[in-house]
Amino acid sequence: MNGHQQVVALRESGYRPTCVFINIGPTPPARRLTVAPERMLEQGGIPEVWTDGESPALADLRFLKGLRVHVSLMGGARAEFWPWWDAVVNAQPDHAFGLEPDGEVLEWRAS
């Protein structure tokens, strides 16, 4: 994964971002150093985590607990969406939104 360390560091310091985007797919090449995924919070942006071929079964997503999370397929294989969606929901976010590969909007809310 790429882009998650900034969220982990923020959580460890006692803070949390407004929301996190989980982008299923490879990290696009940074055009400038300021748009590198690990620098989004530093630049005042919303953190974007790119899965970069990581297996959702092996990904440590504890940093998502209690957060608002948006899950989108961004260049990854369609078959990757549902395993990542399940992994995000299992991490117990406060609220999860997803855009399923067929265009259906998904919503999950902690009870």
C-alpha atoms as a PDB file:
ATOM      1  CA  MET A   1       0.000   0.000   0.000  1.00  0.00           C
ATOM      2  CA  ASN A   2       1.071   3.561  -0.535  1.00  0.00           C
ATOM      3  CA  GLY A   3      -0.199   6.647   1.299  1.00  0.00           C
ATOM      4  CA  HIS A   4      -1.270   5.030   4.561  1.00  0.00           C
ATOM      5  CA  GLN A   5       1.753   5.900   6.710  1.00  0.00           C
ATOM      6  CA  GLN A   6       0.662   9.542   7.008  1.00  0.00           C
ATOM      7  CA  VAL A   7      -2.704   8.403   8.414  1.00  0.00           C
ATOM      8  CA  VAL A   8      -1.034   5.969  10.823  1.00  0.00           C
ATOM      9  CA  ALA A   9       1.256   8.766  12.072  1.00  0.00           C
ATOM     10  CA  LEU A  10      -1.677  11.139  12.502  1.00  0.00           C
ATOM     11  CA  ARG A  11      -3.672   8.525  14.442  1.00  0.00           C
ATOM     12  CA  GLU A  12      -0.668   7.758  16.665  1.00  0.00           C
ATOM     13  CA  SER A  13      -0.415  11.462  17.546  1.00  0.00           C
ATOM     14  CA  GLY A  14      -4.044  11.464  18.713  1.00  0.00           C
ATOM     15  CA  TYR A  15      -5.648  13.019  15.642  1.00  0.00           C
ATOM     16  CA  ARG A  16      -7.582  11.690  12.686  1.00  0.00           C
ATOM     17  CA  PRO A  17      -8.365  12.854   9.173  1.00  0.00           C
ATOM     18  CA  THR A  18     -11.872  13.803   8.115  1.00  0.00           C
ATOM     19  CA  CYS A  19     -11.908  10.899   5.672  1.00  0.00           C
ATOM     20  CA  VAL A  20      -9.630   8.555   3.746  1.00  0.00           C
ATOM     21  CA  PHE A  21      -9.848   7.414   0.132  1.00  0.00           C
ATOM     22  CA  ILE A  22      -8.890   3.797  -0.565  1.00  0.00           C
ATOM     23  CA  ASN A  23      -7.966   3.574  -4.237  1.00  0.00           C
ATOM     24  CA  ILE A  24      -7.791   0.011  -5.534  1.00  0.00           C
ATOM     25  CA  GLY A  25      -5.000   0.002  -8.071  1.00  0.00           C
ATOM     26  CA  PRO A  26      -1.417   1.096  -8.658  1.00  0.00           C
ATOM     27  CA  THR A  27      -0.166   4.442  -7.419  1.00  0.00           C
ATOM     28  CA  PRO A  28       0.000   6.853 -10.342  1.00  0.00           C
ATOM     29  CA  PRO A  29       3.389   8.479 -10.897  1.00  0.00           C
ATOM     30  CA  ALA A  30       3.722  11.735  -8.939  1.00  0.00           C
ATOM     31  CA  ARG A  31       4.037  14.739 -11.209  1.00  0.00           C
ATOM     32  CA  ARG A  32       5.505  16.804  -8.408  1.00  0.00           C
ATOM     33  CA  LEU A  33       6.801  15.914  -4.973  1.00  0.00           C
ATOM     34  CA  THR A  34       3.833  17.751  -3.424  1.00  0.00           C
ATOM     35  CA  VAL A  35       1.304  15.298  -4.866  1.00  0.00           C
ATOM     36  CA  ALA A  36       3.046  12.162  -3.586  1.00  0.00           C
ATOM     37  CA  PRO A  37       0.500  10.023  -1.693  1.00  0.00           C
ATOM     38  CA  GLU A  38       2.376  10.182   1.625  1.00  0.00           C
ATOM     39  CA  ARG A  39       2.345  14.000   1.507  1.00  0.00           C
ATOM     40  CA  MET A  40      -1.388  14.629   0.975  1.00  0.00           C
ATOM     41  CA  LEU A  41      -2.105  15.618   4.591  1.00  0.00           C
ATOM     42  CA  GLU A  42       0.993  17.796   4.719  1.00  0.00           C
ATOM     43  CA  GLN A  43      -0.319  19.648   1.670  1.00  0.00           C
ATOM     44  CA  GLY A  44      -3.801  20.111   3.177  1.00  0.00           C
ATOM     45  CA  GLY A  45      -5.393  17.376   1.068  1.00  0.00           C
ATOM     46  CA  ILE A  46      -7.431  14.313   1.878  1.00  0.00           C
ATOM     47  CA  PRO A  47      -5.301  11.204   2.314  1.00  0.00           C
ATOM     48  CA  GLU A  48      -5.411   8.720  -0.539  1.00  0.00           C
ATOM     49  CA  VAL A  49      -4.232   5.175   0.022  1.00  0.00           C
ATOM     50  CA  TRP A  50      -3.344   3.171  -3.080  1.00  0.00           C
ATOM     51  CA  THR A  51      -3.457  -0.611  -2.758  1.00  0.00           C
ATOM     52  CA  ASP A  52      -0.544  -1.149  -5.188  1.00  0.00           C
ATOM     53  CA  GLY A  53      -1.164  -4.870  -5.582  1.00  0.00           C
ATOM     54  CA  GLU A  54      -1.319  -5.548  -1.843  1.00  0.00           C
ATOM     55  CA  SER A  55      -3.558  -8.428  -0.827  1.00  0.00           C
ATOM     56  CA  PRO A  56      -6.534  -7.208   1.219  1.00  0.00           C
ATOM     57  CA  ALA A  57      -6.193 -10.323   3.396  1.00  0.00           C
ATOM     58  CA  LEU A  58      -2.656  -9.234   4.353  1.00  0.00           C
ATOM     59  CA  ALA A  59      -3.223  -5.473   4.605  1.00  0.00           C
ATOM     60  CA  ASP A  60      -3.159  -3.892   8.064  1.00  0.00           C
ATOM     61  CA  LEU A  61      -6.166  -1.573   7.910  1.00  0.00           C
ATOM     62  CA  ARG A  62      -6.506  -0.848  11.637  1.00  0.00           C
ATOM     63  CA  PHE A  63      -5.814   2.820  10.910  1.00  0.00           C
ATOM     64  CA  LEU A  64      -9.308   3.011   9.313  1.00  0.00           C
ATOM     65  CA  LYS A  65     -11.166   2.209  12.544  1.00  0.00           C
ATOM     66  CA  GLY A  66     -13.735   4.903  13.292  1.00  0.00           C
ATOM     67  CA  LEU A  67     -13.037   6.899  10.123  1.00  0.00           C
ATOM     68  CA  ARG A  68     -15.118   7.790   7.084  1.00  0.00           C
ATOM     69  CA  VAL A  69     -13.718   5.755   4.185  1.00  0.00           C
ATOM     70  CA  HIS A  70     -14.354   5.956   0.441  1.00  0.00           C
ATOM     71  CA  VAL A  71     -13.448   2.876  -1.644  1.00  0.00           C
ATOM     72  CA  SER A  72     -12.999   3.123  -5.415  1.00  0.00           C
ATOM     73  CA  LEU A  73     -11.582   0.952  -8.166  1.00  0.00           C
ATOM     74  CA  MET A  74      -8.824   3.051  -9.741  1.00  0.00           C
ATOM     75  CA  GLY A  75      -7.036   0.919 -12.275  1.00  0.00           C
ATOM     76  CA  GLY A  76      -7.157  -2.321 -10.326  1.00  0.00           C
ATOM     77  CA  ALA A  77      -8.908  -5.462 -11.551  1.00  0.00           C
ATOM     78  CA  ARG A  78     -12.684  -5.587 -11.064  1.00  0.00           C
ATOM     79  CA  ALA A  79     -12.302  -8.788  -9.036  1.00  0.00           C
ATOM     80  CA  GLU A  80     -10.272  -6.853  -6.436  1.00  0.00           C
ATOM     81  CA  PHE A  81     -13.161  -4.598  -5.411  1.00  0.00           C
ATOM     82  CA  TRP A  82     -15.183  -6.949  -3.197  1.00  0.00           C
ATOM     83  CA  PRO A  83     -12.233  -8.368  -1.214  1.00  0.00           C
ATOM     84  CA  TRP A  84     -11.074  -4.808  -0.511  1.00  0.00           C
ATOM     85  CA  TRP A  85     -14.596  -3.671   0.385  1.00  0.00           C
ATOM     86  CA  ASP A  86     -14.903  -6.552   2.864  1.00  0.00           C
ATOM     87  CA  ALA A  87     -11.463  -5.812   4.350  1.00  0.00           C
ATOM     88  CA  VAL A  88     -12.354  -2.134   4.836  1.00  0.00           C
ATOM     89  CA  VAL A  89     -15.686  -2.960   6.485  1.00  0.00           C
ATOM     90  CA  ASN A  90     -13.933  -5.513   8.736  1.00  0.00           C
ATOM     91  CA  ALA A  91     -11.569  -2.723   9.881  1.00  0.00           C
ATOM     92  CA  GLN A  92     -14.636  -1.102  11.532  1.00  0.00           C
ATOM     93  CA  PRO A  93     -14.727   2.355   9.974  1.00  0.00           C
ATOM     94  CA  ASP A  94     -17.421   4.724  11.178  1.00  0.00           C
ATOM     95  CA  HIS A  95     -18.858   4.942   7.685  1.00  0.00           C
ATOM     96  CA  ALA A  96     -17.804   3.411   4.375  1.00  0.00           C
ATOM     97  CA  PHE A  97     -18.844   4.410   0.887  1.00  0.00           C
ATOM     98  CA  GLY A  98     -17.938   2.555  -2.262  1.00  0.00           C
ATOM     99  CA  LEU A  99     -18.419   2.784  -5.966  1.00  0.00           C
ATOM    100  CA  GLU A 100     -18.879  -0.814  -7.106  1.00  0.00           C
ATOM    101  CA  PRO A 101     -17.384  -1.664 -10.541  1.00  0.00           C
ATOM    102  CA  ASP A 102     -20.868  -1.809 -12.117  1.00  0.00           C
ATOM    103  CA  GLY A 103     -21.635   1.705 -10.880  1.00  0.00           C
ATOM    104  CA  GLU A 104     -23.700   0.864  -7.810  1.00  0.00           C
ATOM    105  CA  VAL A 105     -23.063   3.173  -4.849  1.00  0.00           C
ATOM    106  CA  LEU A 106     -22.544   1.266  -1.611  1.00  0.00           C
ATOM    107  CA  GLU A 107     -22.886   2.527   1.935  1.00  0.00           C
ATOM    108  CA  TRP A 108     -22.021   0.838   5.202  1.00  0.00           C
ATOM    109  CA  ARG A 109     -22.417   2.417   8.608  1.00  0.00           C
ATOM    110  CA  ALA A 110     -21.190   1.218  11.997  1.00  0.00           C
ATOM    111  CA  SER A 111     -24.048   0.212  14.243  1.00  0.00           C
END
